[in-house]
PDB file of all heavy atoms in Angstrom:
ATOM      1  N   ASP A   1      24.990  11.286  61.464  1.00  0.00           N
ATOM      2  CA  ASP A   1      26.404  11.746  61.498  1.00  0.00           C
ATOM      3  C   ASP A   1      26.600  13.007  60.733  1.00  0.00           C
ATOM      4  O   ASP A   1      27.407  13.909  61.174  1.00  0.00           O
ATOM      5  CB  ASP A   1      27.288  10.625  60.995  1.00  0.00           C
ATOM      6  CG  ASP A   1      28.724  11.038  61.259  1.00  0.00           C
ATOM      7  OD1 ASP A   1      29.138  11.171  62.408  1.00  0.00           O
ATOM      8  OD2 ASP A   1      29.437  11.172  60.192  1.00  0.00           O
ATOM      9  N   ASP A   2      25.943  13.168  59.680  1.00  0.00           N
ATOM     10  CA  ASP A   2      26.187  14.443  58.758  1.00  0.00           C
ATOM     11  C   ASP A   2      25.579  15.570  59.524  1.00  0.00           C
ATOM     12  O   ASP A   2      26.119  16.689  59.356  1.00  0.00           O
ATOM     13  CB  ASP A   2      25.580  14.328  57.386  1.00  0.00           C
ATOM     14  CG  ASP A   2      24.065  13.942  57.416  1.00  0.00           C
ATOM     15  OD1 ASP A   2      23.599  13.568  58.502  1.00  0.00           O
ATOM     16  OD2 ASP A   2      23.519  14.059  56.322  1.00  0.00           O
ATOM     17  N   VAL A   3      24.575  15.392  60.338  1.00  0.00           N
ATOM     18  CA  VAL A   3      24.012  16.401  61.278  1.00  0.00           C
ATOM     19  C   VAL A   3      25.136  16.779  62.390  1.00  0.00           C
ATOM     20  O   VAL A   3      25.439  18.002  62.605  1.00  0.00           O
ATOM     21  CB  VAL A   3      22.631  16.153  61.770  1.00  0.00           C
ATOM     22  CG1 VAL A   3      22.218  17.264  62.817  1.00  0.00           C
ATOM     23  CG2 VAL A   3      21.598  16.134  60.589  1.00  0.00           C
ATOM     24  N   VAL A   4      25.516  15.725  63.035  1.00  0.00           N
ATOM     25  CA  VAL A   4      26.478  15.890  64.056  1.00  0.00           C
ATOM     26  C   VAL A   4      27.734  16.708  63.612  1.00  0.00           C
ATOM     27  O   VAL A   4      28.235  17.599  64.349  1.00  0.00           O
ATOM     28  CB  VAL A   4      26.889  14.509  64.684  1.00  0.00           C
ATOM     29  CG1 VAL A   4      28.177  14.744  65.607  1.00  0.00           C
ATOM     30  CG2 VAL A   4      25.806  13.936  65.326  1.00  0.00           C
ATOM     31  N   GLN A   5      28.208  16.379  62.402  1.00  0.00           N
ATOM     32  CA  GLN A   5      29.412  16.974  61.879  1.00  0.00           C
ATOM     33  C   GLN A   5      29.314  18.416  61.704  1.00  0.00           C
ATOM     34  O   GLN A   5      30.261  19.224  61.559  1.00  0.00           O
ATOM     35  CB  GLN A   5      29.949  16.256  60.622  1.00  0.00           C
ATOM     36  CG  GLN A   5      30.373  14.772  60.899  1.00  0.00           C
ATOM     37  CD  GLN A   5      31.243  14.713  62.150  1.00  0.00           C
ATOM     38  OE1 GLN A   5      32.331  15.316  62.182  1.00  0.00           O
ATOM     39  NE2 GLN A   5      30.932  13.699  62.922  1.00  0.00           N
ATOM     40  N   ILE A   6      28.159  19.015  61.394  1.00  0.00           N
ATOM     41  CA  ILE A   6      27.809  20.360  61.312  1.00  0.00           C
ATOM     42  C   ILE A   6      28.110  21.183  62.763  1.00  0.00           C
ATOM     43  O   ILE A   6      28.663  22.293  62.667  1.00  0.00           O
ATOM     44  CB  ILE A   6      26.414  20.652  60.857  1.00  0.00           C
ATOM     45  CG1 ILE A   6      26.150  20.110  59.513  1.00  0.00           C
ATOM     46  CG2 ILE A   6      26.156  22.140  60.835  1.00  0.00           C
ATOM     47  CD1 ILE A   6      26.912  20.591  58.401  1.00  0.00           C
ATOM     48  N   TYR A   7      27.731  20.515  63.790  1.00  0.00           N
ATOM     49  CA  TYR A   7      27.848  21.197  64.988  1.00  0.00           C
ATOM     50  C   TYR A   7      28.966  20.770  66.072  1.00  0.00           C
ATOM     51  O   TYR A   7      29.155  21.322  67.017  1.00  0.00           O
ATOM     52  CB  TYR A   7      26.444  21.066  65.779  1.00  0.00           C
ATOM     53  CG  TYR A   7      25.303  21.388  65.007  1.00  0.00           C
ATOM     54  CD1 TYR A   7      24.260  20.391  64.611  1.00  0.00           C
ATOM     55  CD2 TYR A   7      24.990  22.616  64.521  1.00  0.00           C
ATOM     56  CE1 TYR A   7      23.231  20.743  63.793  1.00  0.00           C
ATOM     57  CE2 TYR A   7      24.015  22.973  63.613  1.00  0.00           C
ATOM     58  CZ  TYR A   7      23.072  22.047  63.334  1.00  0.00           C
ATOM     59  OH  TYR A   7      21.936  22.357  62.549  1.00  0.00           O
ATOM     60  N   THR A   8      29.563  19.559  65.679  1.00  0.00           N
ATOM     61  CA  THR A   8      30.585  19.044  66.579  1.00  0.00           C
ATOM     62  C   THR A   8      31.804  20.112  66.635  1.00  0.00           C
ATOM     63  O   THR A   8      32.029  20.865  65.703  1.00  0.00           O
ATOM     64  CB  THR A   8      31.067  17.706  66.047  1.00  0.00           C
ATOM     65  OG1 THR A   8      31.941  17.065  67.070  1.00  0.00           O
ATOM     66  CG2 THR A   8      31.849  17.833  64.760  1.00  0.00           C
ATOM     67  N   LEU A   9      32.463  20.042  67.813  1.00  0.00           N
ATOM     68  CA  LEU A   9      33.570  20.984  68.036  1.00  0.00           C
ATOM     69  C   LEU A   9      34.898  20.370  67.401  1.00  0.00           C
ATOM     70  O   LEU A   9      35.808  19.892  68.107  1.00  0.00           O
ATOM     71  CB  LEU A   9      33.787  21.206  69.511  1.00  0.00           C
ATOM     72  CG  LEU A   9      32.546  21.704  70.286  1.00  0.00           C
ATOM     73  CD1 LEU A   9      32.873  22.006  71.710  1.00  0.00           C
ATOM     74  CD2 LEU A   9      32.065  22.965  69.601  1.00  0.00           C
ATOM     75  N   GLN A  10      35.007  20.493  66.062  1.00  0.00           N
ATOM     76  CA  GLN A  10      36.122  19.871  65.323  1.00  0.00           C
ATOM     77  C   GLN A  10      37.124  20.824  65.235  1.00  0.00           C
ATOM     78  O   GLN A  10      37.043  22.118  65.082  1.00  0.00           O
ATOM     79  CB  GLN A  10      35.584  19.635  63.826  1.00  0.00           C
ATOM     80  CG  GLN A  10      36.599  19.035  62.870  1.00  0.00           C
ATOM     81  CD  GLN A  10      36.963  17.538  63.441  1.00  0.00           C
ATOM     82  OE1 GLN A  10      36.094  16.806  63.755  1.00  0.00           O
ATOM     83  NE2 GLN A  10      38.235  17.215  63.436  1.00  0.00           N
ATOM     84  N   GLU A  11      38.447  20.160  65.522  1.00  0.00           N
ATOM     85  CA  GLU A  11      39.617  21.143  65.541  1.00  0.00           C
ATOM     86  C   GLU A  11      39.757  21.726  64.223  1.00  0.00           C
ATOM     87  O   GLU A  11      39.409  21.234  63.203  1.00  0.00           O
ATOM     88  CB  GLU A  11      40.828  20.315  65.883  1.00  0.00           C
ATOM     89  CG  GLU A  11      41.192  19.242  65.014  1.00  0.00           C
ATOM     90  CD  GLU A  11      42.478  18.494  65.459  1.00  0.00           C
ATOM     91  OE1 GLU A  11      42.886  18.561  66.730  1.00  0.00           O
ATOM     92  OE2 GLU A  11      43.029  17.758  64.651  1.00  0.00           O
ATOM     93  N   GLY A  12      40.387  22.891  64.195  1.00  0.00           N
ATOM     94  CA  GLY A  12      40.611  23.702  63.024  1.00  0.00           C
ATOM     95  C   GLY A  12      39.528  24.633  62.566  1.00  0.00           C
ATOM     96  O   GLY A  12      39.656  25.262  61.597  1.00  0.00           O
ATOM     97  N   ARG A  13      38.402  24.587  63.294  1.00  0.00           N
ATOM     98  CA  ARG A  13      37.242  25.371  62.978  1.00  0.00           C
ATOM     99  C   ARG A  13      36.883  26.353  64.139  1.00  0.00           C
ATOM    100  O   ARG A  13      37.199  25.996  65.332  1.00  0.00           O
ATOM    101  CB  ARG A  13      36.024  24.432  62.719  1.00  0.00           C
ATOM    102  CG  ARG A  13      36.278  23.473  61.496  1.00  0.00           C
ATOM    103  CD  ARG A  13      34.908  22.904  61.034  1.00  0.00           C
ATOM    104  NE  ARG A  13      33.989  22.453  61.938  1.00  0.00           N
ATOM    105  CZ  ARG A  13      33.078  21.437  61.946  1.00  0.00           C
ATOM    106  NH1 ARG A  13      33.157  20.732  60.798  1.00  0.00           N
ATOM    107  NH2 ARG A  13      32.246  21.150  62.766  1.00  0.00           N
ATOM    108  N   ALA A  14      36.202  27.363  63.680  1.00  0.00           N
ATOM    109  CA  ALA A  14      35.614  28.315  64.737  1.00  0.00           C
ATOM    110  C   ALA A  14      34.086  27.829  64.931  1.00  0.00           C
ATOM    111  O   ALA A  14      33.344  28.150  63.914  1.00  0.00           O
ATOM    112  CB  ALA A  14      35.718  29.782  64.334  1.00  0.00           C
ATOM    113  N   CYS A  15      33.788  27.095  65.914  1.00  0.00           N
ATOM    114  CA  CYS A  15      32.436  26.416  66.063  1.00  0.00           C
ATOM    115  C   CYS A  15      31.583  27.220  66.973  1.00  0.00           C
ATOM    116  O   CYS A  15      31.919  27.694  68.012  1.00  0.00           O
ATOM    117  CB  CYS A  15      32.765  25.040  66.637  1.00  0.00           C
ATOM    118  SG  CYS A  15      33.807  23.979  65.658  1.00  0.00           S
ATOM    119  N   PRO A  16      30.224  27.398  66.588  1.00  0.00           N
ATOM    120  CA  PRO A  16      29.204  27.809  67.347  1.00  0.00           C
ATOM    121  C   PRO A  16      29.037  27.133  68.704  1.00  0.00           C
ATOM    122  O   PRO A  16      29.168  25.887  68.760  1.00  0.00           O
ATOM    123  CB  PRO A  16      27.972  27.744  66.532  1.00  0.00           C
ATOM    124  CG  PRO A  16      28.417  27.593  65.098  1.00  0.00           C
ATOM    125  CD  PRO A  16      29.664  26.879  65.170  1.00  0.00           C
ATOM    126  N   ALA A  17      29.051  27.799  69.776  1.00  0.00           N
ATOM    127  CA  ALA A  17      29.110  27.250  71.079  1.00  0.00           C
ATOM    128  C   ALA A  17      28.285  28.165  72.180  1.00  0.00           C
ATOM    129  O   ALA A  17      28.174  29.328  71.949  1.00  0.00           O
ATOM    130  CB  ALA A  17      30.478  27.063  71.549  1.00  0.00           C
ATOM    131  N   VAL A  18      27.776  27.446  73.119  1.00  0.00           N
ATOM    132  CA  VAL A  18      27.312  28.164  74.325  1.00  0.00           C
ATOM    133  C   VAL A  18      28.434  28.006  75.281  1.00  0.00           C
ATOM    134  O   VAL A  18      28.786  26.855  75.774  1.00  0.00           O
ATOM    135  CB  VAL A  18      26.016  27.422  74.802  1.00  0.00           C
ATOM    136  CG1 VAL A  18      25.554  28.135  76.057  1.00  0.00           C
ATOM    137  CG2 VAL A  18      24.938  27.435  73.846  1.00  0.00           C
ATOM    138  N   SER A  19      29.010  29.099  75.691  1.00  0.00           N
ATOM    139  CA  SER A  19      30.229  29.214  76.543  1.00  0.00           C
ATOM    140  C   SER A  19      29.897  29.671  77.923  1.00  0.00           C
ATOM    141  O   SER A  19      29.153  30.675  78.020  1.00  0.00           O
ATOM    142  CB  SER A  19      31.246  29.948  75.954  1.00  0.00           C
ATOM    143  OG  SER A  19      31.756  29.490  74.708  1.00  0.00           O
ATOM    144  N   LEU A  20      30.389  29.008  78.859  1.00  0.00           N
ATOM    145  CA  LEU A  20      30.348  29.395  80.246  1.00  0.00           C
ATOM    146  C   LEU A  20      31.730  29.882  80.731  1.00  0.00           C
ATOM    147  O   LEU A  20      32.702  29.020  80.621  1.00  0.00           O
ATOM    148  CB  LEU A  20      29.874  28.215  81.239  1.00  0.00           C
ATOM    149  CG  LEU A  20      29.833  28.624  82.694  1.00  0.00           C
ATOM    150  CD1 LEU A  20      28.895  29.708  83.146  1.00  0.00           C
ATOM    151  CD2 LEU A  20      29.671  27.394  83.696  1.00  0.00           C
ATOM    152  N   TYR A  21      31.919  31.044  81.038  1.00  0.00           N
ATOM    153  CA  TYR A  21      33.141  31.532  81.549  1.00  0.00           C
ATOM    154  C   TYR A  21      33.135  31.739  83.018  1.00  0.00           C
ATOM    155  O   TYR A  21      32.326  32.501  83.611  1.00  0.00           O
ATOM    156  CB  TYR A  21      33.506  32.912  80.844  1.00  0.00           C
ATOM    157  CG  TYR A  21      33.877  32.865  79.350  1.00  0.00           C
ATOM    158  CD1 TYR A  21      32.920  33.057  78.364  1.00  0.00           C
ATOM    159  CD2 TYR A  21      35.199  32.399  78.945  1.00  0.00           C
ATOM    160  CE1 TYR A  21      33.174  32.787  77.030  1.00  0.00           C
ATOM    161  CE2 TYR A  21      35.500  32.178  77.563  1.00  0.00           C
ATOM    162  CZ  TYR A  21      34.533  32.453  76.654  1.00  0.00           C
ATOM    163  OH  TYR A  21      34.815  32.341  75.286  1.00  0.00           O
ATOM    164  N   VAL A  22      34.034  31.106  83.688  1.00  0.00           N
ATOM    165  CA  VAL A  22      34.065  30.980  85.097  1.00  0.00           C
ATOM    166  C   VAL A  22      35.394  31.834  85.467  1.00  0.00           C
ATOM    167  O   VAL A  22      36.502  31.379  85.152  1.00  0.00           O
ATOM    168  CB  VAL A  22      34.003  29.708  85.839  1.00  0.00           C
ATOM    169  CG1 VAL A  22      34.150  29.695  87.321  1.00  0.00           C
ATOM    170  CG2 VAL A  22      32.764  29.054  85.368  1.00  0.00           C
ATOM    171  N   THR A  23      35.356  32.914  86.328  1.00  0.00           N
ATOM    172  CA  THR A  23      36.483  33.621  86.722  1.00  0.00           C
ATOM    173  C   THR A  23      36.865  33.181  88.146  1.00  0.00           C
ATOM    174  O   THR A  23      36.027  33.189  89.046  1.00  0.00           O
ATOM    175  CB  THR A  23      36.247  35.165  86.678  1.00  0.00           C
ATOM    176  OG1 THR A  23      35.778  35.510  85.341  1.00  0.00           O
ATOM    177  CG2 THR A  23      37.453  35.887  87.029  1.00  0.00           C
ATOM    178  N   LEU A  24      38.137  32.884  88.329  1.00  0.00           N
ATOM    179  CA  LEU A  24      38.613  32.336  89.613  1.00  0.00           C
ATOM    180  C   LEU A  24      39.786  33.191  90.097  1.00  0.00           C
ATOM    181  O   LEU A  24      40.592  33.626  89.225  1.00  0.00           O
ATOM    182  CB  LEU A  24      39.046  30.914  89.565  1.00  0.00           C
ATOM    183  CG  LEU A  24      38.063  29.791  89.067  1.00  0.00           C
ATOM    184  CD1 LEU A  24      38.211  29.691  87.501  1.00  0.00           C
ATOM    185  CD2 LEU A  24      38.274  28.509  89.806  1.00  0.00           C
ATOM    186  N   ASP A  25      39.959  33.149  91.292  1.00  0.00           N
ATOM    187  CA  ASP A  25      41.279  33.667  91.956  1.00  0.00           C
ATOM    188  C   ASP A  25      42.304  32.674  91.698  1.00  0.00           C
ATOM    189  O   ASP A  25      42.221  31.492  92.152  1.00  0.00           O
ATOM    190  CB  ASP A  25      41.167  33.955  93.483  1.00  0.00           C
ATOM    191  CG  ASP A  25      42.392  34.606  94.182  1.00  0.00           C
ATOM    192  OD1 ASP A  25      43.356  33.795  94.237  1.00  0.00           O
ATOM    193  OD2 ASP A  25      42.347  35.667  94.478  1.00  0.00           O
ATOM    194  N   GLU A  26      43.400  32.921  91.088  1.00  0.00           N
ATOM    195  CA  GLU A  26      44.353  32.052  90.624  1.00  0.00           C
ATOM    196  C   GLU A  26      45.042  31.349  91.860  1.00  0.00           C
ATOM    197  O   GLU A  26      45.439  30.154  91.718  1.00  0.00           O
ATOM    198  CB  GLU A  26      45.465  32.564  89.836  1.00  0.00           C
ATOM    199  CG  GLU A  26      46.437  31.771  89.250  1.00  0.00           C
ATOM    200  CD  GLU A  26      47.410  32.381  88.280  1.00  0.00           C
ATOM    201  OE1 GLU A  26      47.196  33.658  87.948  1.00  0.00           O
ATOM    202  OE2 GLU A  26      48.208  31.636  87.654  1.00  0.00           O
ATOM    203  N   ALA A  27      45.173  31.997  92.891  1.00  0.00           N
ATOM    204  CA  ALA A  27      45.765  31.409  94.091  1.00  0.00           C
ATOM    205  C   ALA A  27      44.979  30.638  95.013  1.00  0.00           C
ATOM    206  O   ALA A  27      45.280  29.526  95.301  1.00  0.00           O
ATOM    207  CB  ALA A  27      46.441  32.646  95.012  1.00  0.00           C
ATOM    208  N   THR A  28      43.720  31.116  95.389  1.00  0.00           N
ATOM    209  CA  THR A  28      42.814  30.484  96.190  1.00  0.00           C
ATOM    210  C   THR A  28      41.742  29.553  95.491  1.00  0.00           C
ATOM    211  O   THR A  28      41.225  28.743  96.084  1.00  0.00           O
ATOM    212  CB  THR A  28      42.088  31.458  97.057  1.00  0.00           C
ATOM    213  OG1 THR A  28      41.159  32.206  96.170  1.00  0.00           O
ATOM    214  CG2 THR A  28      42.942  32.434  97.806  1.00  0.00           C
ATOM    215  N   LEU A  29      41.604  29.725  94.191  1.00  0.00           N
ATOM    216  CA  LEU A  29      40.668  29.080  93.384  1.00  0.00           C
ATOM    217  C   LEU A  29      39.166  29.379  93.751  1.00  0.00           C
ATOM    218  O   LEU A  29      38.377  28.739  93.302  1.00  0.00           O
ATOM    219  CB  LEU A  29      40.924  27.537  93.317  1.00  0.00           C
ATOM    220  CG  LEU A  29      42.272  27.156  92.907  1.00  0.00           C
ATOM    221  CD1 LEU A  29      42.422  25.592  93.023  1.00  0.00           C
ATOM    222  CD2 LEU A  29      42.506  27.363  91.499  1.00  0.00           C
ATOM    223  N   ASP A  30      39.015  30.418  94.446  1.00  0.00           N
ATOM    224  CA  ASP A  30      37.673  30.828  94.713  1.00  0.00           C
ATOM    225  C   ASP A  30      37.041  31.399  93.474  1.00  0.00           C
ATOM    226  O   ASP A  30      37.576  32.114  92.708  1.00  0.00           O
ATOM    227  CB  ASP A  30      37.704  31.928  95.827  1.00  0.00           C
ATOM    228  CG  ASP A  30      37.952  31.335  97.226  1.00  0.00           C
ATOM    229  OD1 ASP A  30      37.895  30.107  97.342  1.00  0.00           O
ATOM    230  OD2 ASP A  30      38.449  32.123  97.945  1.00  0.00           O
ATOM    231  N   ILE A  31      35.765  31.039  93.222  1.00  0.00           N
ATOM    232  CA  ILE A  31      35.027  31.445  92.025  1.00  0.00           C
ATOM    233  C   ILE A  31      34.424  32.836  92.341  1.00  0.00           C
ATOM    234  O   ILE A  31      33.832  33.072  93.346  1.00  0.00           O
ATOM    235  CB  ILE A  31      33.910  30.560  91.703  1.00  0.00           C
ATOM    236  CG1 ILE A  31      34.454  29.177  91.309  1.00  0.00           C
ATOM    237  CG2 ILE A  31      33.051  31.036  90.503  1.00  0.00           C
ATOM    238  CD1 ILE A  31      33.465  28.028  90.953  1.00  0.00           C
ATOM    239  N   LYS A  32      34.853  33.811  91.402  1.00  0.00           N
ATOM    240  CA  LYS A  32      34.448  35.277  91.642  1.00  0.00           C
ATOM    241  C   LYS A  32      33.156  35.546  90.838  1.00  0.00           C
ATOM    242  O   LYS A  32      32.228  36.233  91.363  1.00  0.00           O
ATOM    243  CB  LYS A  32      35.547  36.075  91.116  1.00  0.00           C
ATOM    244  CG  LYS A  32      36.833  36.017  91.980  1.00  0.00           C
ATOM    245  CD  LYS A  32      37.917  37.025  91.373  1.00  0.00           C
ATOM    246  CE  LYS A  32      39.097  37.094  92.253  1.00  0.00           C
ATOM    247  NZ  LYS A  32      40.156  38.003  91.688  1.00  0.00           N
ATOM    248  N   SER A  33      33.096  34.964  89.620  1.00  0.00           N
ATOM    249  CA  SER A  33      31.867  35.214  88.777  1.00  0.00           C
ATOM    250  C   SER A  33      31.724  34.222  87.750  1.00  0.00           C
ATOM    251  O   SER A  33      32.691  33.500  87.355  1.00  0.00           O
ATOM    252  CB  SER A  33      32.020  36.644  88.224  1.00  0.00           C
ATOM    253  OG  SER A  33      33.164  36.730  87.369  1.00  0.00           O
ATOM    254  N   SER A  34      30.612  34.323  87.100  1.00  0.00           N
ATOM    255  CA  SER A  34      30.386  33.498  85.803  1.00  0.00           C
ATOM    256  C   SER A  34      29.629  34.164  84.772  1.00  0.00           C
ATOM    257  O   SER A  34      28.837  35.124  85.183  1.00  0.00           O
ATOM    258  CB  SER A  34      29.775  32.024  86.144  1.00  0.00           C
ATOM    259  OG  SER A  34      28.373  32.193  86.632  1.00  0.00           O
ATOM    260  N   GLU A  35      29.815  33.775  83.518  1.00  0.00           N
ATOM    261  CA  GLU A  35      29.029  34.564  82.529  1.00  0.00           C
ATOM    262  C   GLU A  35      28.806  33.545  81.305  1.00  0.00           C
ATOM    263  O   GLU A  35      29.722  32.676  81.058  1.00  0.00           O
ATOM    264  CB  GLU A  35      29.898  35.756  81.922  1.00  0.00           C
ATOM    265  CG  GLU A  35      29.254  36.403  80.881  1.00  0.00           C
ATOM    266  CD  GLU A  35      30.116  37.637  80.271  1.00  0.00           C
ATOM    267  OE1 GLU A  35      31.351  37.705  80.685  1.00  0.00           O
ATOM    268  OE2 GLU A  35      29.655  38.337  79.380  1.00  0.00           O
ATOM    269  N   THR A  36      27.630  33.686  80.649  1.00  0.00           N
ATOM    270  CA  THR A  36      27.259  32.787  79.564  1.00  0.00           C
ATOM    271  C   THR A  36      27.251  33.554  78.246  1.00  0.00           C
ATOM    272  O   THR A  36      26.737  34.672  78.224  1.00  0.00           O
ATOM    273  CB  THR A  36      25.907  32.048  79.790  1.00  0.00           C
ATOM    274  OG1 THR A  36      26.102  31.195  80.961  1.00  0.00           O
ATOM    275  CG2 THR A  36      25.613  31.144  78.602  1.00  0.00           C
ATOM    276  N   ARG A  37      27.977  33.038  77.359  1.00  0.00           N
ATOM    277  CA  ARG A  37      28.040  33.814  76.002  1.00  0.00           C
ATOM    278  C   ARG A  37      27.682  32.931  74.740  1.00  0.00           C
ATOM    279  O   ARG A  37      27.918  31.647  74.857  1.00  0.00           O
ATOM    280  CB  ARG A  37      29.397  34.369  75.721  1.00  0.00           C
ATOM    281  CG  ARG A  37      29.831  35.371  76.772  1.00  0.00           C
ATOM    282  CD  ARG A  37      31.290  35.835  76.357  1.00  0.00           C
ATOM    283  NE  ARG A  37      31.969  36.548  77.447  1.00  0.00           N
ATOM    284  CZ  ARG A  37      33.251  36.770  77.628  1.00  0.00           C
ATOM    285  NH1 ARG A  37      34.034  36.304  76.664  1.00  0.00           N
ATOM    286  NH2 ARG A  37      33.794  37.440  78.536  1.00  0.00           N
ATOM    287  N   LEU A  38      27.008  33.394  73.789  1.00  0.00           N
ATOM    288  CA  LEU A  38      26.815  32.699  72.506  1.00  0.00           C
ATOM    289  C   LEU A  38      27.766  33.231  71.577  1.00  0.00           C
ATOM    290  O   LEU A  38      27.776  34.404  71.306  1.00  0.00           O
ATOM    291  CB  LEU A  38      25.191  32.867  72.081  1.00  0.00           C
ATOM    292  CG  LEU A  38      24.216  32.690  73.162  1.00  0.00           C
ATOM    293  CD1 LEU A  38      22.905  32.840  72.514  1.00  0.00           C
ATOM    294  CD2 LEU A  38      24.320  31.253  73.669  1.00  0.00           C
TER     295      LEU A  38
END
């Protein structure tokens, strides 16, 4: 648990993450692109 708490996405913190950003057309919901960021 003490290891988990280092990496868990706890509210109130800026947590390290692997993020997938998916860009969509707001009206049609068609996916235009995706990008991964650390």
